[in-house]
Amino acid sequence: MREYTPDRWKVLRFDHNGDVIDKVFAGWAGGYTTSDSWKLSSGISETEEFEDRYEFMNHSGSKYICRKSSEGMTGYQMQVFAGFQKQIEDSNGAATMEVIDYESESE
């Protein structure tokens, strides 16, 4: 099982022709020798909440360990997200995407 601990994260809800799936949109800030990066999970199958974090199990078997204080997007993630929005717009209504405020959803 692969584990990921992103610097920033959001949950995105996709609906494609009635099939709804939530995915972790994870981002990491680069450093001096590396660039920023992102990853979109395969789809959340189970969520476990702890005091300081969520652990999202995914259909692929990977786990995303997401600190509650890190919910959000990096500048690079916002650029990638804009590309996602463009693809959704080009789907002519076959797909939708929603950003989930996970703290509000889990209360």
Protein backbone atom coordinates (compact mmCIF):
# COMPACT_ATOMS: atom_id res chain seq x y z
CA MET A 1 0.00 0.00 0.00
CA ARG A 2 1.29 3.44 -0.93
CA GLU A 3 0.86 6.30 1.53
CA TYR A 4 0.84 9.96 0.57
CA THR A 5 0.99 12.97 2.90
CA PRO A 6 0.34 16.08 0.81
CA ASP A 7 1.31 19.63 1.74
CA ARG A 8 -2.14 20.84 0.60
CA TRP A 9 -5.28 18.92 -0.35
CA LYS A 10 -8.94 19.21 -1.30
CA VAL A 11 -11.64 16.64 -1.95
CA LEU A 12 -13.20 16.94 -5.40
CA ARG A 13 -16.55 15.34 -6.22
CA PHE A 14 -16.98 14.24 -9.82
CA ASP A 15 -20.28 13.24 -11.40
CA HIS A 16 -20.04 11.67 -14.83
CA ASN A 17 -23.41 10.65 -16.25
CA GLY A 18 -24.73 9.92 -12.74
CA ASP A 19 -21.66 8.09 -11.45
CA VAL A 20 -20.44 10.10 -8.44
CA ILE A 21 -16.94 9.68 -7.01
CA ASP A 22 -14.93 11.70 -4.49
CA LYS A 23 -11.18 12.00 -5.03
CA VAL A 24 -8.31 13.56 -3.10
CA PHE A 25 -6.60 16.32 -5.06
CA ALA A 26 -3.17 16.40 -3.39
CA GLY A 27 -0.37 18.91 -3.85
CA TRP A 28 3.24 19.18 -2.78
CA ALA A 29 5.37 22.32 -2.79
CA GLY A 30 8.69 21.93 -4.52
CA GLY A 31 12.01 23.07 -3.21
CA TYR A 32 15.32 24.23 -4.55
CA THR A 33 15.90 21.15 -6.70
CA THR A 34 12.33 19.94 -7.27
CA SER A 35 9.20 21.44 -8.75
CA ASP A 36 5.69 21.56 -7.33
CA SER A 37 3.63 18.42 -7.98
CA TRP A 38 0.08 17.15 -7.71
CA LYS A 39 -1.81 13.86 -7.73
CA LEU A 40 -5.49 12.96 -8.08
CA SER A 41 -6.45 9.83 -6.15
CA SER A 42 -8.30 6.89 -7.69
CA GLY A 43 -11.39 7.52 -5.57
CA ILE A 44 -12.13 7.52 -1.87
CA SER A 45 -13.47 4.19 -0.61
CA GLU A 46 -13.25 4.84 3.14
CA THR A 47 -12.47 7.77 5.43
CA GLU A 48 -11.14 7.68 8.97
CA GLU A 49 -11.12 10.91 10.98
CA PHE A 50 -8.59 11.69 13.70
CA GLU A 51 -8.22 14.82 15.81
CA ASP A 52 -5.63 16.37 13.49
CA ARG A 53 -6.11 14.56 10.17
CA TYR A 54 -8.19 12.50 7.80
CA GLU A 55 -6.98 9.24 6.34
CA PHE A 56 -8.57 8.52 2.98
CA MET A 57 -8.36 4.94 1.69
CA ASN A 58 -8.70 4.72 -2.06
CA HIS A 59 -9.95 2.14 -4.55
CA SER A 60 -6.35 1.49 -5.66
CA GLY A 61 -5.33 0.59 -2.10
CA SER A 62 -3.39 3.80 -1.51
CA LYS A 63 -3.88 5.94 1.59
CA TYR A 64 -3.80 9.74 1.73
CA ILE A 65 -2.96 11.16 5.15
CA CYS A 66 -4.31 14.72 5.08
CA ARG A 67 -3.75 17.14 7.95
CA LYS A 68 -6.87 19.18 8.70
CA SER A 69 -4.77 22.35 8.92
CA SER A 70 -3.50 21.78 5.35
CA GLU A 71 -6.83 21.73 3.52
CA GLY A 72 -6.57 24.00 0.49
CA MET A 73 -4.67 24.30 -2.79
CA THR A 74 -1.23 25.53 -3.78
CA GLY A 75 -0.92 28.03 -6.64
CA TYR A 76 0.15 25.20 -8.93
CA GLN A 77 -2.88 23.12 -7.91
CA MET A 78 -5.14 26.08 -8.73
CA GLN A 79 -3.68 26.14 -12.26
CA VAL A 80 -4.25 22.41 -12.67
CA PHE A 81 -7.76 22.80 -11.24
CA ALA A 82 -8.51 25.44 -13.89
CA GLY A 83 -7.61 22.81 -16.50
CA PHE A 84 -10.02 20.36 -14.87
CA GLN A 85 -12.75 23.02 -15.01
CA LYS A 86 -12.10 23.53 -18.73
CA GLN A 87 -12.45 19.79 -19.38
CA ILE A 88 -15.73 19.75 -17.42
CA GLU A 89 -17.04 22.71 -19.46
CA ASP A 90 -16.09 20.88 -22.67
CA SER A 91 -18.09 17.80 -21.60
CA ASN A 92 -21.37 19.54 -22.57
CA GLY A 93 -23.04 18.65 -19.27
CA ALA A 94 -21.97 14.99 -19.19
CA ALA A 95 -19.76 15.70 -16.16
CA THR A 96 -19.69 18.02 -13.17
CA MET A 97 -17.05 18.75 -10.57
CA GLU A 98 -17.50 20.21 -7.11
CA VAL A 99 -14.92 21.25 -4.51
CA ILE A 100 -15.90 19.80 -1.14
CA ASP A 101 -15.19 21.74 2.06
CA TYR A 102 -14.38 18.60 3.97
CA GLU A 103 -14.52 20.11 7.44
CA SER A 104 -18.14 21.21 6.78
CA GLU A 105 -19.08 17.88 5.15
CA SER A 106 -17.87 15.77 8.05
CA GLU A 107 -19.70 17.62 10.84
